[in-house]
C-alpha atoms as a PDB file:
ATOM      1  CA  MET A   1      97.652 -51.372  17.273  1.00  0.00           C
ATOM      2  CA  ILE A   2      94.720 -48.933  17.221  1.00  0.00           C
ATOM      3  CA  SER A   3      94.991 -46.179  19.788  1.00  0.00           C
ATOM      4  CA  VAL A   4      92.202 -45.305  22.200  1.00  0.00           C
ATOM      5  CA  ASN A   5      91.761 -41.804  20.737  1.00  0.00           C
ATOM      6  CA  PHE A   6      91.464 -43.138  17.191  1.00  0.00           C
ATOM      7  CA  SER A   7      88.875 -45.746  18.169  1.00  0.00           C
ATOM      8  CA  GLN A   8      86.939 -43.050  20.049  1.00  0.00           C
ATOM      9  CA  LYS A   9      86.903 -40.838  16.957  1.00  0.00           C
ATOM     10  CA  ILE A  10      85.687 -43.728  14.804  1.00  0.00           C
ATOM     11  CA  ALA A  11      82.923 -44.450  17.305  1.00  0.00           C
ATOM     12  CA  ASN A  12      81.854 -40.783  17.346  1.00  0.00           C
ATOM     13  CA  ILE A  13      81.790 -40.667  13.551  1.00  0.00           C
ATOM     14  CA  MET A  14      79.639 -43.814  13.398  1.00  0.00           C
ATOM     15  CA  LEU A  15      77.215 -42.475  16.009  1.00  0.00           C
ATOM     16  CA  TRP A  16      76.898 -39.121  14.250  1.00  0.00           C
ATOM     17  CA  ALA A  17      76.420 -40.873  10.902  1.00  0.00           C
ATOM     18  CA  SER A  18      73.693 -43.094  12.366  1.00  0.00           C
ATOM     19  CA  ALA A  19      71.870 -40.091  13.807  1.00  0.00           C
ATOM     20  CA  LEU A  20      72.137 -38.091  10.575  1.00  0.00           C
ATOM     21  CA  ILE A  21      70.930 -41.029   8.466  1.00  0.00           C
ATOM     22  CA  THR A  22      67.931 -41.474  10.762  1.00  0.00           C
ATOM     23  CA  ILE A  23      67.057 -37.776  10.511  1.00  0.00           C
ATOM     24  CA  ALA A  24      67.561 -37.848   6.740  1.00  0.00           C
ATOM     25  CA  ILE A  25      65.173 -40.783   6.346  1.00  0.00           C
ATOM     26  CA  LEU A  26      62.552 -38.908   8.352  1.00  0.00           C
ATOM     27  CA  PHE A  27      62.926 -35.742   6.296  1.00  0.00           C
ATOM     28  CA  ILE A  28      62.820 -37.680   3.021  1.00  0.00           C
ATOM     29  CA  MET A  29      59.615 -39.459   3.972  1.00  0.00           C
ATOM     30  CA  VAL A  30      57.875 -36.372   5.334  1.00  0.00           C
ATOM     31  CA  GLY A  31      59.145 -34.201   2.491  1.00  0.00           C
ATOM     32  CA  HIS A  32      57.902 -36.618  -0.163  1.00  0.00           C
ATOM     33  CA  ILE A  33      54.426 -36.688   1.382  1.00  0.00           C
ATOM     34  CA  LEU A  34      54.270 -32.921   1.858  1.00  0.00           C
ATOM     35  CA  LEU A  35      55.451 -32.116  -1.667  1.00  0.00           C
ATOM     36  CA  ASN A  36      52.692 -34.265  -3.122  1.00  0.00           C
ATOM     37  CA  GLY A  37      49.981 -33.462  -0.600  1.00  0.00           C
ATOM     38  CA  VAL A  38      50.150 -29.770   0.273  1.00  0.00           C
ATOM     39  CA  GLU A  39      48.830 -28.643  -3.092  1.00  0.00           C
ATOM     40  CA  VAL A  40      45.659 -30.700  -2.559  1.00  0.00           C
ATOM     41  CA  ILE A  41      44.761 -29.215   0.833  1.00  0.00           C
ATOM     42  CA  ASP A  42      42.329 -26.314   1.004  1.00  0.00           C
ATOM     43  CA  LEU A  43      39.187 -25.453   2.982  1.00  0.00           C
ATOM     44  CA  GLN A  44      37.023 -27.500   0.646  1.00  0.00           C
ATOM     45  CA  PHE A  45      39.238 -30.546   1.184  1.00  0.00           C
ATOM     46  CA  LEU A  46      39.113 -30.156   4.967  1.00  0.00           C
ATOM     47  CA  LEU A  47      35.438 -29.273   5.404  1.00  0.00           C
ATOM     48  CA  GLU A  48      33.592 -31.431   2.876  1.00  0.00           C
ATOM     49  CA  SER A  49      32.706 -35.101   2.594  1.00  0.00           C
ATOM     50  CA  PRO A  50      34.119 -37.347  -0.143  1.00  0.00           C
ATOM     51  CA  LYS A  51      32.349 -37.387  -3.486  1.00  0.00           C
ATOM     52  CA  ASN A  52      32.458 -39.542  -6.591  1.00  0.00           C
ATOM     53  CA  ALA A  53      33.813 -42.636  -4.806  1.00  0.00           C
ATOM     54  CA  GLY A  54      36.554 -40.608  -3.125  1.00  0.00           C
ATOM     55  CA  ARG A  55      37.905 -39.001  -6.296  1.00  0.00           C
ATOM     56  CA  GLU A  56      36.598 -35.582  -5.273  1.00  0.00           C
ATOM     57  CA  GLY A  57      35.460 -33.705  -2.185  1.00  0.00           C
ATOM     58  CA  GLY A  58      37.080 -33.643   1.216  1.00  0.00           C
ATOM     59  CA  ILE A  59      37.849 -35.731   4.273  1.00  0.00           C
ATOM     60  CA  LEU A  60      35.997 -34.049   7.165  1.00  0.00           C
ATOM     61  CA  PRO A  61      34.171 -37.239   8.288  1.00  0.00           C
ATOM     62  CA  MET A  62      37.512 -39.070   8.304  1.00  0.00           C
ATOM     63  CA  ILE A  63      39.153 -36.410  10.482  1.00  0.00           C
ATOM     64  CA  VAL A  64      36.286 -36.563  12.964  1.00  0.00           C
ATOM     65  CA  SER A  65      36.374 -40.374  12.920  1.00  0.00           C
ATOM     66  CA  SER A  66      40.105 -40.424  13.716  1.00  0.00           C
ATOM     67  CA  LEU A  67      39.695 -38.022  16.627  1.00  0.00           C
ATOM     68  CA  TYR A  68      36.617 -39.899  17.833  1.00  0.00           C
ATOM     69  CA  THR A  69      38.225 -43.346  17.881  1.00  0.00           C
ATOM     70  CA  THR A  70      41.490 -42.070  19.361  1.00  0.00           C
ATOM     71  CA  GLY A  71      39.647 -40.143  22.075  1.00  0.00           C
ATOM     72  CA  LEU A  72      37.655 -43.217  23.108  1.00  0.00           C
ATOM     73  CA  ALA A  73      40.837 -45.297  23.144  1.00  0.00           C
ATOM     74  CA  LEU A  74      42.581 -42.847  25.469  1.00  0.00           C
ATOM     75  CA  ILE A  75      39.549 -42.582  27.762  1.00  0.00           C
ATOM     76  CA  VAL A  76      39.870 -46.333  28.363  1.00  0.00           C
ATOM     77  CA  ALA A  77      43.656 -46.735  28.247  1.00  0.00           C
ATOM     78  CA  ILE A  78      44.798 -43.774  30.391  1.00  0.00           C
ATOM     79  CA  PRO A  79      43.029 -44.715  33.670  1.00  0.00           C
ATOM     80  CA  LEU A  80      43.909 -48.393  33.252  1.00  0.00           C
ATOM     81  CA  GLY A  81      47.537 -47.672  32.358  1.00  0.00           C
ATOM     82  CA  ILE A  82      48.226 -45.139  35.110  1.00  0.00           C
ATOM     83  CA  GLY A  83      46.269 -47.154  37.683  1.00  0.00           C
ATOM     84  CA  SER A  84      48.227 -50.300  36.869  1.00  0.00           C
ATOM     85  CA  ALA A  85      51.510 -48.388  37.039  1.00  0.00           C
ATOM     86  CA  ILE A  86      50.689 -46.976  40.478  1.00  0.00           C
ATOM     87  CA  TYR A  87      49.665 -50.399  41.749  1.00  0.00           C
ATOM     88  CA  LEU A  88      52.890 -52.038  40.550  1.00  0.00           C
ATOM     89  CA  THR A  89      55.174 -49.332  41.953  1.00  0.00           C
ATOM     90  CA  GLU A  90      53.441 -48.307  45.189  1.00  0.00           C
ATOM     91  CA  TYR A  91      51.306 -51.209  46.407  1.00  0.00           C
ATOM     92  CA  ALA A  92      52.375 -54.510  44.878  1.00  0.00           C
ATOM     93  CA  VAL A  93      55.212 -56.579  46.315  1.00  0.00           C
ATOM     94  CA  LYS A  94      57.466 -58.855  44.307  1.00  0.00           C
ATOM     95  CA  SER A  95      55.436 -61.969  43.626  1.00  0.00           C
ATOM     96  CA  PRO A  96      54.484 -64.278  40.770  1.00  0.00           C
ATOM     97  CA  LEU A  97      51.431 -62.054  40.196  1.00  0.00           C
ATOM     98  CA  THR A  98      53.462 -58.902  39.542  1.00  0.00           C
ATOM     99  CA  LYS A  99      55.832 -60.851  37.302  1.00  0.00           C
ATOM    100  CA  ALA A 100      52.830 -62.180  35.381  1.00  0.00           C
ATOM    101  CA  ILE A 101      51.415 -58.647  34.993  1.00  0.00           C
ATOM    102  CA  ARG A 102      54.687 -57.276  33.610  1.00  0.00           C
ATOM    103  CA  TYR A 103      55.113 -60.290  31.340  1.00  0.00           C
ATOM    104  CA  ALA A 104      51.573 -59.847  30.043  1.00  0.00           C
ATOM    105  CA  THR A 105      52.230 -56.159  29.396  1.00  0.00           C
ATOM    106  CA  GLU A 106      55.405 -56.870  27.446  1.00  0.00           C
ATOM    107  CA  THR A 107      53.659 -59.565  25.456  1.00  0.00           C
ATOM    108  CA  LEU A 108      50.695 -57.302  24.734  1.00  0.00           C
ATOM    109  CA  SER A 109      52.987 -54.589  23.386  1.00  0.00           C
ATOM    110  CA  GLY A 110      54.538 -57.077  20.960  1.00  0.00           C
ATOM    111  CA  ILE A 111      51.336 -58.542  19.518  1.00  0.00           C
ATOM    112  CA  PRO A 112      50.911 -57.594  15.836  1.00  0.00           C
ATOM    113  CA  SER A 113      48.195 -55.040  15.244  1.00  0.00           C
ATOM    114  CA  ILE A 114      46.419 -57.315  12.771  1.00  0.00           C
ATOM    115  CA  VAL A 115      45.987 -59.891  15.562  1.00  0.00           C
ATOM    116  CA  VAL A 116      44.594 -57.225  17.880  1.00  0.00           C
ATOM    117  CA  GLY A 117      42.177 -56.240  15.120  1.00  0.00           C
ATOM    118  CA  LEU A 118      41.050 -59.847  14.731  1.00  0.00           C
ATOM    119  CA  PHE A 119      40.468 -60.065  18.488  1.00  0.00           C
ATOM    120  CA  GLY A 120      38.490 -56.806  18.400  1.00  0.00           C
ATOM    121  CA  TYR A 121      36.336 -58.163  15.590  1.00  0.00           C
ATOM    122  CA  THR A 122      35.691 -61.446  17.410  1.00  0.00           C
ATOM    123  CA  PHE A 123      35.138 -60.031  20.896  1.00  0.00           C
ATOM    124  CA  PHE A 124      33.733 -56.516  20.541  1.00  0.00           C
ATOM    125  CA  VAL A 125      31.913 -56.776  17.230  1.00  0.00           C
ATOM    126  CA  ILE A 126      30.531 -60.314  17.423  1.00  0.00           C
ATOM    127  CA  TYR A 127      30.615 -61.563  21.036  1.00  0.00           C
ATOM    128  CA  LEU A 128      29.564 -58.306  22.746  1.00  0.00           C
ATOM    129  CA  GLY A 129      27.318 -57.394  19.831  1.00  0.00           C
ATOM    130  CA  LEU A 130      28.605 -53.831  19.456  1.00  0.00           C
ATOM    131  CA  GLY A 131      28.789 -54.158  15.686  1.00  0.00           C
ATOM    132  CA  PHE A 132      31.021 -52.221  13.333  1.00  0.00           C
ATOM    133  CA  CYS A 133      31.251 -48.836  15.016  1.00  0.00           C
ATOM    134  CA  VAL A 134      33.439 -46.182  16.594  1.00  0.00           C
ATOM    135  CA  LEU A 135      33.157 -47.778  20.040  1.00  0.00           C
ATOM    136  CA  SER A 136      34.502 -51.122  18.799  1.00  0.00           C
ATOM    137  CA  ALA A 137      37.411 -49.317  17.138  1.00  0.00           C
ATOM    138  CA  GLY A 138      38.134 -47.241  20.252  1.00  0.00           C
ATOM    139  CA  LEU A 139      38.180 -50.295  22.512  1.00  0.00           C
ATOM    140  CA  THR A 140      40.456 -52.119  20.076  1.00  0.00           C
ATOM    141  CA  LEU A 141      42.851 -49.176  19.884  1.00  0.00           C
ATOM    142  CA  SER A 142      42.917 -48.947  23.679  1.00  0.00           C
ATOM    143  CA  ILE A 143      44.528 -52.409  23.700  1.00  0.00           C
ATOM    144  CA  MET A 144      47.277 -51.018  21.456  1.00  0.00           C
ATOM    145  CA  ALA A 145      47.879 -47.914  23.571  1.00  0.00           C
ATOM    146  CA  LEU A 146      47.561 -49.527  27.024  1.00  0.00           C
ATOM    147  CA  PRO A 147      51.011 -51.205  27.304  1.00  0.00           C
ATOM    148  CA  ILE A 148      52.809 -48.054  26.118  1.00  0.00           C
ATOM    149  CA  ILE A 149      51.060 -45.836  28.654  1.00  0.00           C
ATOM    150  CA  MET A 150      51.404 -48.379  31.440  1.00  0.00           C
ATOM    151  CA  ARG A 151      55.124 -49.041  31.011  1.00  0.00           C
ATOM    152  CA  THR A 152      56.005 -45.371  30.589  1.00  0.00           C
ATOM    153  CA  ALA A 153      53.937 -44.351  33.609  1.00  0.00           C
ATOM    154  CA  GLU A 154      55.474 -47.111  35.719  1.00  0.00           C
ATOM    155  CA  GLU A 155      59.014 -46.035  34.909  1.00  0.00           C
ATOM    156  CA  SER A 156      58.153 -42.363  35.501  1.00  0.00           C
ATOM    157  CA  VAL A 157      56.641 -43.038  38.922  1.00  0.00           C
ATOM    158  CA  ARG A 158      59.544 -45.315  39.822  1.00  0.00           C
ATOM    159  CA  THR A 159      62.104 -42.582  39.090  1.00  0.00           C
ATOM    160  CA  VAL A 160      60.557 -40.137  41.593  1.00  0.00           C
ATOM    161  CA  PRO A 161      63.070 -39.855  44.483  1.00  0.00           C
ATOM    162  CA  ILE A 162      62.168 -41.856  47.586  1.00  0.00           C
ATOM    163  CA  GLY A 163      62.670 -38.715  49.651  1.00  0.00           C
ATOM    164  CA  TYR A 164      59.531 -37.197  48.145  1.00  0.00           C
ATOM    165  CA  ARG A 165      57.470 -40.103  49.458  1.00  0.00           C
ATOM    166  CA  GLU A 166      59.122 -40.112  52.881  1.00  0.00           C
ATOM    167  CA  GLY A 167      58.804 -36.347  53.272  1.00  0.00           C
ATOM    168  CA  SER A 168      55.109 -36.392  52.395  1.00  0.00           C
ATOM    169  CA  LEU A 169      54.347 -39.289  54.720  1.00  0.00           C
ATOM    170  CA  ALA A 170      56.383 -37.681  57.506  1.00  0.00           C
ATOM    171  CA  LEU A 171      54.213 -34.566  57.256  1.00  0.00           C
ATOM    172  CA  GLY A 172      51.108 -36.650  57.919  1.00  0.00           C
ATOM    173  CA  ALA A 173      49.837 -37.205  54.390  1.00  0.00           C
ATOM    174  CA  SER A 174      48.133 -40.471  53.614  1.00  0.00           C
ATOM    175  CA  LYS A 175      49.364 -42.913  50.992  1.00  0.00           C
ATOM    176  CA  TRP A 176      46.773 -41.783  48.470  1.00  0.00           C
ATOM    177  CA  GLN A 177      47.444 -38.082  49.177  1.00  0.00           C
ATOM    178  CA  THR A 178      51.147 -38.698  48.580  1.00  0.00           C
ATOM    179  CA  ILE A 179      50.410 -40.395  45.279  1.00  0.00           C
ATOM    180  CA  ARG A 180      47.947 -37.731  44.134  1.00  0.00           C
ATOM    181  CA  LYS A 181      49.754 -34.610  45.346  1.00  0.00           C
ATOM    182  CA  VAL A 182      53.427 -35.615  45.113  1.00  0.00           C
ATOM    183  CA  LEU A 183      54.142 -38.622  42.919  1.00  0.00           C
ATOM    184  CA  LEU A 184      51.814 -37.966  39.988  1.00  0.00           C
ATOM    185  CA  PRO A 185      52.799 -34.276  39.555  1.00  0.00           C
ATOM    186  CA  SER A 186      56.483 -35.209  39.767  1.00  0.00           C
ATOM    187  CA  ALA A 187      56.072 -38.043  37.254  1.00  0.00           C
ATOM    188  CA  SER A 188      53.716 -36.118  34.968  1.00  0.00           C
ATOM    189  CA  PRO A 189      56.293 -35.319  32.214  1.00  0.00           C
ATOM    190  CA  GLY A 190      57.004 -39.006  31.650  1.00  0.00           C
ATOM    191  CA  ILE A 191      53.338 -39.937  31.944  1.00  0.00           C
ATOM    192  CA  VAL A 192      52.356 -37.345  29.353  1.00  0.00           C
ATOM    193  CA  THR A 193      55.094 -38.643  27.067  1.00  0.00           C
ATOM    194  CA  GLY A 194      53.612 -42.124  27.305  1.00  0.00           C
ATOM    195  CA  ILE A 195      50.133 -40.786  26.595  1.00  0.00           C
ATOM    196  CA  VAL A 196      51.398 -38.932  23.524  1.00  0.00           C
ATOM    197  CA  LEU A 197      53.172 -42.078  22.293  1.00  0.00           C
ATOM    198  CA  GLY A 198      50.033 -44.128  22.854  1.00  0.00           C
ATOM    199  CA  MET A 199      47.968 -41.487  21.089  1.00  0.00           C
ATOM    200  CA  GLY A 200      50.348 -41.481  18.150  1.00  0.00           C
ATOM    201  CA  ARG A 201      50.117 -45.251  17.801  1.00  0.00           C
ATOM    202  CA  ALA A 202      46.325 -45.204  18.128  1.00  0.00           C
ATOM    203  CA  ILE A 203      45.712 -42.465  15.572  1.00  0.00           C
ATOM    204  CA  GLY A 204      48.112 -44.061  13.084  1.00  0.00           C
ATOM    205  CA  GLU A 205      46.786 -47.632  13.232  1.00  0.00           C
ATOM    206  CA  THR A 206      45.094 -49.215  10.239  1.00  0.00           C
ATOM    207  CA  ALA A 207      45.247 -52.990  10.593  1.00  0.00           C
ATOM    208  CA  ALA A 208      43.870 -52.963  14.140  1.00  0.00           C
ATOM    209  CA  ILE A 209      40.644 -51.153  13.251  1.00  0.00           C
ATOM    210  CA  MET A 210      39.880 -51.955   9.623  1.00  0.00           C
ATOM    211  CA  PHE A 211      37.955 -55.050  10.784  1.00  0.00           C
ATOM    212  CA  VAL A 212      35.917 -53.295  13.486  1.00  0.00           C
ATOM    213  CA  VAL A 213      35.188 -49.699  12.521  1.00  0.00           C
ATOM    214  CA  GLY A 214      32.813 -50.433   9.662  1.00  0.00           C
ATOM    215  CA  GLY A 215      33.116 -47.934   6.858  1.00  0.00           C
ATOM    216  CA  GLY A 216      31.172 -45.367   4.917  1.00  0.00           C
ATOM    217  CA  TRP A 217      31.726 -41.686   4.442  1.00  0.00           C
ATOM    218  CA  ARG A 218      29.054 -40.343   6.744  1.00  0.00           C
ATOM    219  CA  MET A 219      29.841 -38.245   9.792  1.00  0.00           C
ATOM    220  CA  PRO A 220      29.888 -40.464  12.915  1.00  0.00           C
ATOM    221  CA  ILE A 221      27.349 -39.160  15.411  1.00  0.00           C
ATOM    222  CA  SER A 222      27.227 -41.655  18.275  1.00  0.00           C
ATOM    223  CA  PRO A 223      29.789 -44.195  19.500  1.00  0.00           C
ATOM    224  CA  LEU A 224      27.708 -46.881  17.794  1.00  0.00           C
ATOM    225  CA  SER A 225      27.961 -45.230  14.376  1.00  0.00           C
ATOM    226  CA  PRO A 226      30.192 -46.755  11.696  1.00  0.00           C
ATOM    227  CA  ALA A 227      33.113 -44.607  10.621  1.00  0.00           C
ATOM    228  CA  GLN A 228      36.193 -44.453   8.450  1.00  0.00           C
ATOM    229  CA  PRO A 229      39.274 -42.931  10.119  1.00  0.00           C
ATOM    230  CA  LEU A 230      42.008 -41.317   8.068  1.00  0.00           C
ATOM    231  CA  THR A 231      44.242 -44.389   8.111  1.00  0.00           C
ATOM    232  CA  VAL A 232      41.531 -46.685   6.765  1.00  0.00           C
ATOM    233  CA  HIS A 233      40.520 -44.082   4.184  1.00  0.00           C
ATOM    234  CA  LEU A 234      44.146 -43.733   3.119  1.00  0.00           C
ATOM    235  CA  TYR A 235      44.485 -47.493   2.751  1.00  0.00           C
ATOM    236  CA  GLU A 236      41.388 -47.660   0.569  1.00  0.00           C
ATOM    237  CA  LEU A 237      42.545 -44.760  -1.580  1.00  0.00           C
ATOM    238  CA  PHE A 238      45.849 -46.411  -2.436  1.00  0.00           C
ATOM    239  CA  SER A 239      44.642 -50.012  -2.516  1.00  0.00           C
ATOM    240  CA  ALA A 240      42.058 -49.239  -5.201  1.00  0.00           C
ATOM    241  CA  GLY A 241      43.766 -48.329  -8.450  1.00  0.00           C
ATOM    242  CA  ILE A 242      40.879 -46.201  -9.681  1.00  0.00           C
ATOM    243  CA  ILE A 243      41.150 -43.698  -6.865  1.00  0.00           C
ATOM    244  CA  SER A 244      43.158 -40.493  -7.279  1.00  0.00           C
ATOM    245  CA  THR A 245      46.578 -40.617  -5.628  1.00  0.00           C
ATOM    246  CA  GLU A 246      46.418 -36.839  -5.134  1.00  0.00           C
ATOM    247  CA  ILE A 247      43.613 -37.281  -2.600  1.00  0.00           C
ATOM    248  CA  GLY A 248      45.675 -40.004  -0.940  1.00  0.00           C
ATOM    249  CA  TYR A 249      48.705 -37.763  -0.519  1.00  0.00           C
ATOM    250  CA  GLY A 250      46.469 -34.989   0.805  1.00  0.00           C
ATOM    251  CA  THR A 251      44.973 -37.377   3.338  1.00  0.00           C
ATOM    252  CA  ALA A 252      48.454 -38.508   4.409  1.00  0.00           C
ATOM    253  CA  THR A 253      49.537 -34.887   4.829  1.00  0.00           C
ATOM    254  CA  VAL A 254      46.556 -34.124   7.058  1.00  0.00           C
ATOM    255  CA  LEU A 255      47.276 -37.239   9.135  1.00  0.00           C
ATOM    256  CA  LEU A 256      50.897 -36.173   9.612  1.00  0.00           C
ATOM    257  CA  ALA A 257      49.810 -32.654  10.519  1.00  0.00           C
ATOM    258  CA  MET A 258      47.375 -34.003  13.124  1.00  0.00           C
ATOM    259  CA  VAL A 259      50.040 -36.166  14.777  1.00  0.00           C
ATOM    260  CA  LEU A 260      52.530 -33.264  14.839  1.00  0.00           C
ATOM    261  CA  ALA A 261      49.901 -30.848  16.186  1.00  0.00           C
ATOM    262  CA  ILE A 262      48.849 -33.225  18.953  1.00  0.00           C
ATOM    263  CA  THR A 263      52.466 -33.862  19.947  1.00  0.00           C
ATOM    264  CA  PHE A 264      53.377 -30.164  19.923  1.00  0.00           C
ATOM    265  CA  THR A 265      50.279 -29.206  21.929  1.00  0.00           C
ATOM    266  CA  ALA A 266      50.907 -31.891  24.541  1.00  0.00           C
ATOM    267  CA  ASN A 267      54.572 -30.902  24.944  1.00  0.00           C
ATOM    268  CA  TRP A 268      53.725 -27.189  25.133  1.00  0.00           C
ATOM    269  CA  THR A 269      51.026 -27.829  27.743  1.00  0.00           C
ATOM    270  CA  MET A 270      53.398 -30.002  29.742  1.00  0.00           C
ATOM    271  CA  ARG A 271      56.126 -27.363  29.743  1.00  0.00           C
ATOM    272  CA  ARG A 272      53.675 -24.730  30.995  1.00  0.00           C
ATOM    273  CA  TYR A 273      52.469 -27.113  33.691  1.00  0.00           C
ATOM    274  CA  ILE A 274      56.023 -27.843  34.866  1.00  0.00           C
ATOM    275  CA  LYS A 275      56.810 -24.118  35.027  1.00  0.00           C
ATOM    276  CA  LYS A 276      53.625 -23.571  37.037  1.00  0.00           C
ATOM    277  CA  ILE A 277      54.354 -26.241  39.647  1.00  0.00           C
ATOM    278  CA  MET A 278      57.982 -25.049  39.868  1.00  0.00           C
ATOM    279  CA  GLY A 279      56.792 -21.498  40.529  1.00  0.00           C
ATOM    280  CA  GLU A 280      58.512 -20.007  37.484  1.00  0.00           C
END
């Protein structure tokens, strides 16, 4: 008969092995991309437009396009996600409507990105007449980021101790003042985490926007300009056999660096904010 201590040791070994394998896979993937892409990156690569059908030049318009589309997506998704989370936790009562909202959110988070892209093409590009542009891509990406931000914000607001609400209301604060001055600052770490996760999914999406963003290598000026974000550019580089794979690895390296930089900046800003509100 297996003893309790032996089974506990086996469980610990399996958990540690699972964690180490996961980390190893991450390092192998990132390392492979960096080893092949770092040597391509220089100022010319970052500050110039593509030339010779993408075989030469840089990726500056693609970097701007990625930031542009992701920024528009967050502008739409953040207010809707946080507003919905506050409504569900602070105002709504248990009813078929709230169950339908949560069910719709869970379903929306599970819809394949290619289906979301098809919807964006049908609704934003054709029905609304926006055409292939940055705005259509941003609105489509907001659908991808919305359920992540909403669910994370809802759980973060829900975990704020009830005593915070009661203490604020007992001191004469209104419901909205309590939400704005007490609940949101207390739940801000989790909310920011959800925003970063939504941002990471938006900036890394290809299938959802390849039908709506248009194309071309020109710098996008207005929200109605066509564009080619890094993910779409990367797909085209590797899907066409005539294009240099070196440029593709360089583009992938820049995309990884952008995601890591955004995540690090958001976490650093959040830590400073927490220290400030805690008086440290």
